[in-house]
PDB file of N, CA and C in Angstrom:
ATOM      1  N   MET A   1     147.928  96.187  96.191  1.00  0.00           N
ATOM      2  CA  MET A   1     148.067  94.771  95.967  1.00  0.00           C
ATOM      3  C   MET A   1     147.359  94.051  97.110  1.00  0.00           C
ATOM      4  N   GLU A   2     146.583  93.042  96.770  1.00  0.00           N
ATOM      5  CA  GLU A   2     145.871  92.269  97.786  1.00  0.00           C
ATOM      6  C   GLU A   2     146.364  90.829  97.778  1.00  0.00           C
ATOM      7  N   ILE A   3     146.660  90.319  98.969  1.00  0.00           N
ATOM      8  CA  ILE A   3     147.011  88.910  99.114  1.00  0.00           C
ATOM      9  C   ILE A   3     146.157  88.322 100.233  1.00  0.00           C
ATOM     10  N   THR A   4     146.024  87.021 100.236  1.00  0.00           N
ATOM     11  CA  THR A   4     145.259  86.330 101.263  1.00  0.00           C
ATOM     12  C   THR A   4     146.221  85.508 102.111  1.00  0.00           C
ATOM     13  N   VAL A   5     146.151  85.701 103.420  1.00  0.00           N
ATOM     14  CA  VAL A   5     146.990  84.961 104.358  1.00  0.00           C
ATOM     15  C   VAL A   5     146.067  84.200 105.304  1.00  0.00           C
ATOM     16  N   ASN A   6     146.140  82.874 105.241  1.00  0.00           N
ATOM     17  CA  ASN A   6     145.277  82.027 106.076  1.00  0.00           C
ATOM     18  C   ASN A   6     143.817  82.487 106.013  1.00  0.00           C
ATOM     19  N   GLN A   7     143.340  82.692 104.815  1.00  0.00           N
ATOM     20  CA  GLN A   7     141.955  83.050 104.497  1.00  0.00           C
ATOM     21  C   GLN A   7     141.549  84.444 104.973  1.00  0.00           C
ATOM     22  N   GLN A   8     142.532  85.310 105.262  1.00  0.00           N
ATOM     23  CA  GLN A   8     142.256  86.697 105.613  1.00  0.00           C
ATOM     24  C   GLN A   8     142.942  87.598 104.595  1.00  0.00           C
ATOM     25  N   ASN A   9     142.198  88.560 104.044  1.00  0.00           N
ATOM     26  CA  ASN A   9     142.746  89.442 103.013  1.00  0.00           C
ATOM     27  C   ASN A   9     143.533  90.595 103.636  1.00  0.00           C
ATOM     28  N   TYR A  10     144.650  90.927 102.976  1.00  0.00           N
ATOM     29  CA  TYR A  10     145.496  92.050 103.380  1.00  0.00           C
ATOM     30  C   TYR A  10     145.791  92.897 102.163  1.00  0.00           C
ATOM     31  N   GLU A  11     145.803  94.222 102.340  1.00  0.00           N
ATOM     32  CA  GLU A  11     146.145  95.175 101.288  1.00  0.00           C
ATOM     33  C   GLU A  11     147.544  95.727 101.535  1.00  0.00           C
ATOM     34  N   PHE A  12     148.346  95.761 100.484  1.00  0.00           N
ATOM     35  CA  PHE A  12     149.676  96.354 100.548  1.00  0.00           C
ATOM     36  C   PHE A  12     149.772  97.403  99.439  1.00  0.00           C
ATOM     37  N   ASN A  13     150.454  98.521  99.728  1.00  0.00           N
ATOM     38  CA  ASN A  13     150.581  99.602  98.750  1.00  0.00           C
ATOM     39  C   ASN A  13     151.494  99.244  97.590  1.00  0.00           C
ATOM     40  N   SER A  14     152.447  98.362  97.836  1.00  0.00           N
ATOM     41  CA  SER A  14     153.382  97.976  96.781  1.00  0.00           C
ATOM     42  C   SER A  14     153.770  96.520  96.989  1.00  0.00           C
ATOM     43  N   SER A  15     154.531  95.979  96.042  1.00  0.00           N
ATOM     44  CA  SER A  15     154.957  94.593  96.173  1.00  0.00           C
ATOM     45  C   SER A  15     155.884  94.468  97.384  1.00  0.00           C
ATOM     46  N   CYS A  16     155.925  93.276  97.941  1.00  0.00           N
ATOM     47  CA  CYS A  16     156.777  93.049  99.104  1.00  0.00           C
ATOM     48  C   CYS A  16     157.245  91.604  99.104  1.00  0.00           C
ATOM     49  N   SER A  17     158.286  91.357  99.861  1.00  0.00           N
ATOM     50  CA  SER A  17     158.810  90.000  99.999  1.00  0.00           C
ATOM     51  C   SER A  17     158.024  89.267 101.082  1.00  0.00           C
ATOM     52  N   VAL A  18     158.233  87.981 101.162  1.00  0.00           N
ATOM     53  CA  VAL A  18     157.604  87.189 102.220  1.00  0.00           C
ATOM     54  C   VAL A  18     158.017  87.740 103.584  1.00  0.00           C
ATOM     55  N   GLU A  19     159.296  88.028 103.735  1.00  0.00           N
ATOM     56  CA  GLU A  19     159.824  88.564 104.993  1.00  0.00           C
ATOM     57  C   GLU A  19     159.135  89.882 105.370  1.00  0.00           C
ATOM     58  N   GLN A  20     158.981  90.782 104.405  1.00  0.00           N
ATOM     59  CA  GLN A  20     158.324  92.067 104.656  1.00  0.00           C
ATOM     60  C   GLN A  20     156.857  91.875 105.008  1.00  0.00           C
ATOM     61  N   MET A  21     156.188  90.944 104.340  1.00  0.00           N
ATOM     62  CA  MET A  21     154.778  90.668 104.619  1.00  0.00           C
ATOM     63  C   MET A  21     154.609  90.154 106.041  1.00  0.00           C
ATOM     64  N   LEU A  22     155.464  89.235 106.469  1.00  0.00           N
ATOM     65  CA  LEU A  22     155.369  88.701 107.828  1.00  0.00           C
ATOM     66  C   LEU A  22     155.539  89.810 108.860  1.00  0.00           C
ATOM     67  N   SER A  23     156.478  90.698 108.619  1.00  0.00           N
ATOM     68  CA  SER A  23     156.700  91.824 109.525  1.00  0.00           C
ATOM     69  C   SER A  23     155.480  92.748 109.541  1.00  0.00           C
ATOM     70  N   ALA A  24     154.915  93.020 108.383  1.00  0.00           N
ATOM     71  CA  ALA A  24     153.775  93.940 108.278  1.00  0.00           C
ATOM     72  C   ALA A  24     152.532  93.413 108.995  1.00  0.00           C
ATOM     73  N   ILE A  25     152.360  92.095 109.015  1.00  0.00           N
ATOM     74  CA  ILE A  25     151.167  91.541 109.675  1.00  0.00           C
ATOM     75  C   ILE A  25     151.495  91.013 111.079  1.00  0.00           C
ATOM     76  N   ASN A  26     152.690  91.371 111.578  1.00  0.00           N
ATOM     77  CA  ASN A  26     153.122  91.048 112.943  1.00  0.00           C
ATOM     78  C   ASN A  26     153.161  89.553 113.233  1.00  0.00           C
ATOM     79  N   VAL A  27     153.776  88.800 112.336  1.00  0.00           N
ATOM     80  CA  VAL A  27     153.959  87.359 112.541  1.00  0.00           C
ATOM     81  C   VAL A  27     155.447  87.097 112.738  1.00  0.00           C
ATOM     82  N   GLN A  28     155.784  86.423 113.830  1.00  0.00           N
ATOM     83  CA  GLN A  28     157.178  86.077 114.073  1.00  0.00           C
ATOM     84  C   GLN A  28     157.560  84.911 113.175  1.00  0.00           C
ATOM     85  N   ALA A  29     158.732  85.000 112.578  1.00  0.00           N
ATOM     86  CA  ALA A  29     159.177  84.004 111.609  1.00  0.00           C
ATOM     87  C   ALA A  29     159.622  82.700 112.255  1.00  0.00           C
ATOM     88  N   LYS A  30     159.834  82.704 113.542  1.00  0.00           N
ATOM     89  CA  LYS A  30     160.349  81.514 114.217  1.00  0.00           C
ATOM     90  C   LYS A  30     159.251  80.432 114.301  1.00  0.00           C
ATOM     91  N   GLY A  31     159.593  79.237 113.839  1.00  0.00           N
ATOM     92  CA  GLY A  31     158.695  78.098 113.985  1.00  0.00           C
ATOM     93  C   GLY A  31     157.542  78.036 113.009  1.00  0.00           C
ATOM     94  N   ILE A  32     157.648  78.737 111.870  1.00  0.00           N
ATOM     95  CA  ILE A  32     156.569  78.653 110.882  1.00  0.00           C
ATOM     96  C   ILE A  32     157.120  78.223 109.522  1.00  0.00           C
ATOM     97  N   ALA A  33     156.226  77.711 108.725  1.00  0.00           N
ATOM     98  CA  ALA A  33     156.515  77.418 107.319  1.00  0.00           C
ATOM     99  C   ALA A  33     155.560  78.267 106.495  1.00  0.00           C
ATOM    100  N   VAL A  34     155.989  78.617 105.287  1.00  0.00           N
ATOM    101  CA  VAL A  34     155.184  79.461 104.409  1.00  0.00           C
ATOM    102  C   VAL A  34     154.949  78.746 103.093  1.00  0.00           C
ATOM    103  N   ALA A  35     153.689  78.677 102.690  1.00  0.00           N
ATOM    104  CA  ALA A  35     153.333  78.140 101.376  1.00  0.00           C
ATOM    105  C   ALA A  35     152.632  79.251 100.606  1.00  0.00           C
ATOM    106  N   ILE A  36     153.022  79.434  99.356  1.00  0.00           N
ATOM    107  CA  ILE A  36     152.388  80.423  98.486  1.00  0.00           C
ATOM    108  C   ILE A  36     151.823  79.684  97.293  1.00  0.00           C
ATOM    109  N   ASN A  37     150.523  79.828  97.106  1.00  0.00           N
ATOM    110  CA  ASN A  37     149.828  79.134  96.019  1.00  0.00           C
ATOM    111  C   ASN A  37     150.168  77.641  96.031  1.00  0.00           C
ATOM    112  N   GLN A  38     150.130  77.066  97.230  1.00  0.00           N
ATOM    113  CA  GLN A  38     150.334  75.635  97.472  1.00  0.00           C
ATOM    114  C   GLN A  38     151.761  75.157  97.212  1.00  0.00           C
ATOM    115  N   THR A  39     152.728  76.059  97.242  1.00  0.00           N
ATOM    116  CA  THR A  39     154.136  75.701  97.086  1.00  0.00           C
ATOM    117  C   THR A  39     154.902  76.218  98.298  1.00  0.00           C
ATOM    118  N   ILE A  40     155.604  75.302  98.989  1.00  0.00           N
ATOM    119  CA  ILE A  40     156.400  75.707 100.150  1.00  0.00           C
ATOM    120  C   ILE A  40     157.568  76.577  99.687  1.00  0.00           C
ATOM    121  N   ILE A  41     157.783  77.677 100.399  1.00  0.00           N
ATOM    122  CA  ILE A  41     158.904  78.579 100.122  1.00  0.00           C
ATOM    123  C   ILE A  41     159.919  78.386 101.240  1.00  0.00           C
ATOM    124  N   SER A  42     161.141  78.029 100.893  1.00  0.00           N
ATOM    125  CA  SER A  42     162.159  77.808 101.917  1.00  0.00           C
ATOM    126  C   SER A  42     162.481  79.119 102.623  1.00  0.00           C
ATOM    127  N   LYS A  43     162.787  79.003 103.899  1.00  0.00           N
ATOM    128  CA  LYS A  43     163.057  80.197 104.701  1.00  0.00           C
ATOM    129  C   LYS A  43     164.199  81.026 104.129  1.00  0.00           C
ATOM    130  N   SER A  44     165.175  80.371 103.519  1.00  0.00           N
ATOM    131  CA  SER A  44     166.314  81.093 102.944  1.00  0.00           C
ATOM    132  C   SER A  44     165.890  81.975 101.764  1.00  0.00           C
ATOM    133  N   ALA A  45     164.713  81.732 101.186  1.00  0.00           N
ATOM    134  CA  ALA A  45     164.237  82.512 100.038  1.00  0.00           C
ATOM    135  C   ALA A  45     163.225  83.588 100.416  1.00  0.00           C
ATOM    136  N   TRP A  46     162.860  83.686 101.680  1.00  0.00           N
ATOM    137  CA  TRP A  46     161.840  84.647 102.091  1.00  0.00           C
ATOM    138  C   TRP A  46     162.188  86.085 101.752  1.00  0.00           C
ATOM    139  N   ALA A  47     163.445  86.476 101.896  1.00  0.00           N
ATOM    140  CA  ALA A  47     163.836  87.872 101.649  1.00  0.00           C
ATOM    141  C   ALA A  47     163.756  88.229 100.171  1.00  0.00           C
ATOM    142  N   GLU A  48     163.943  87.247  99.283  1.00  0.00           N
ATOM    143  CA  GLU A  48     163.951  87.520  97.842  1.00  0.00           C
ATOM    144  C   GLU A  48     162.628  87.222  97.147  1.00  0.00           C
ATOM    145  N   HIS A  49     161.795  86.365  97.744  1.00  0.00           N
ATOM    146  CA  HIS A  49     160.564  85.949  97.065  1.00  0.00           C
ATOM    147  C   HIS A  49     159.526  87.071  97.131  1.00  0.00           C
ATOM    148  N   GLU A  50     159.230  87.662  95.989  1.00  0.00           N
ATOM    149  CA  GLU A  50     158.259  88.753  95.910  1.00  0.00           C
ATOM    150  C   GLU A  50     156.847  88.202  95.772  1.00  0.00           C
ATOM    151  N   LEU A  51     155.952  88.731  96.592  1.00  0.00           N
ATOM    152  CA  LEU A  51     154.547  88.354  96.505  1.00  0.00           C
ATOM    153  C   LEU A  51     153.889  89.121  95.367  1.00  0.00           C
ATOM    154  N   LYS A  52     152.869  88.516  94.781  1.00  0.00           N
ATOM    155  CA  LYS A  52     152.136  89.130  93.677  1.00  0.00           C
ATOM    156  C   LYS A  52     150.673  89.281  94.064  1.00  0.00           C
ATOM    157  N   HIS A  53     150.007  90.227  93.410  1.00  0.00           N
ATOM    158  CA  HIS A  53     148.586  90.443  93.658  1.00  0.00           C
ATOM    159  C   HIS A  53     147.827  89.127  93.486  1.00  0.00           C
ATOM    160  N   GLY A  54     146.992  88.805  94.461  1.00  0.00           N
ATOM    161  CA  GLY A  54     146.167  87.606  94.380  1.00  0.00           C
ATOM    162  C   GLY A  54     146.812  86.358  94.948  1.00  0.00           C
ATOM    163  N   ASP A  55     148.061  86.441  95.417  1.00  0.00           N
ATOM    164  CA  ASP A  55     148.704  85.262  95.994  1.00  0.00           C
ATOM    165  C   ASP A  55     147.918  84.748  97.193  1.00  0.00           C
ATOM    166  N   GLN A  56     147.882  83.428  97.322  1.00  0.00           N
ATOM    167  CA  GLN A  56     147.256  82.754  98.459  1.00  0.00           C
ATOM    168  C   GLN A  56     148.388  82.235  99.345  1.00  0.00           C
ATOM    169  N   VAL A  57     148.510  82.792 100.545  1.00  0.00           N
ATOM    170  CA  VAL A  57     149.591  82.439 101.459  1.00  0.00           C
ATOM    171  C   VAL A  57     149.015  81.628 102.620  1.00  0.00           C
ATOM    172  N   ILE A  58     149.693  80.538 102.946  1.00  0.00           N
ATOM    173  CA  ILE A  58     149.317  79.738 104.108  1.00  0.00           C
ATOM    174  C   ILE A  58     150.514  79.717 105.050  1.00  0.00           C
ATOM    175  N   LEU A  59     150.263  80.105 106.296  1.00  0.00           N
ATOM    176  CA  LEU A  59     151.283  80.044 107.332  1.00  0.00           C
ATOM    177  C   LEU A  59     150.994  78.838 108.203  1.00  0.00           C
ATOM    178  N   ILE A  60     151.997  77.982 108.359  1.00  0.00           N
ATOM    179  CA  ILE A  60     151.846  76.755 109.113  1.00  0.00           C
ATOM    180  C   ILE A  60     152.765  76.838 110.321  1.00  0.00           C
ATOM    181  N   LYS A  61     152.189  76.736 111.505  1.00  0.00           N
ATOM    182  CA  LYS A  61     152.963  76.848 112.731  1.00  0.00           C
ATOM    183  C   LYS A  61     153.351  75.465 113.226  1.00  0.00           C
ATOM    184  N   ALA A  62     154.626  75.305 113.545  1.00  0.00           N
ATOM    185  CA  ALA A  62     155.120  74.026 114.076  1.00  0.00           C
ATOM    186  C   ALA A  62     154.606  73.846 115.503  1.00  0.00           C
ATOM    187  N   THR A  63     154.222  72.627 115.812  1.00  0.00           N
ATOM    188  CA  THR A  63     153.779  72.305 117.167  1.00  0.00           C
ATOM    189  C   THR A  63     154.512  71.080 117.666  1.00  0.00           C
ATOM    190  N   GLN A  64     154.571  70.961 118.981  1.00  0.00           N
ATOM    191  CA  GLN A  64     155.190  69.796 119.569  1.00  0.00           C
ATOM    192  C   GLN A  64     154.101  68.841 120.046  1.00  0.00           C
ATOM    193  N   GLY A  65     154.434  67.621 120.110  1.00  0.00           N
ATOM    194  CA  GLY A  65     153.474  66.642 120.604  1.00  0.00           C
ATOM    195  C   GLY A  65     153.875  65.252 120.168  1.00  0.00           C
ATOM    196  N   GLY A  66     153.063  64.336 120.519  1.00  0.00           N
ATOM    197  CA  GLY A  66     153.414  62.982 120.143  1.00  0.00           C
ATOM    198  C   GLY A  66     152.260  62.040 120.265  1.00  0.00           C
TER     199      GLY A  66
END
């Protein structure tokens, strides 16, 4: 299965959840938002939301400033 994360392609042997994908690509879950195919996925749904072949994932990192 191939998915794209922030315009970089990743191959996975089987389907995985958002949480599993973040762990596999070494991204810490703290302070980020996840959008899949232009839809924000709430953090509470990361463990259950299964990624599909061809999904476009965008990781958005929170920043401070003013």
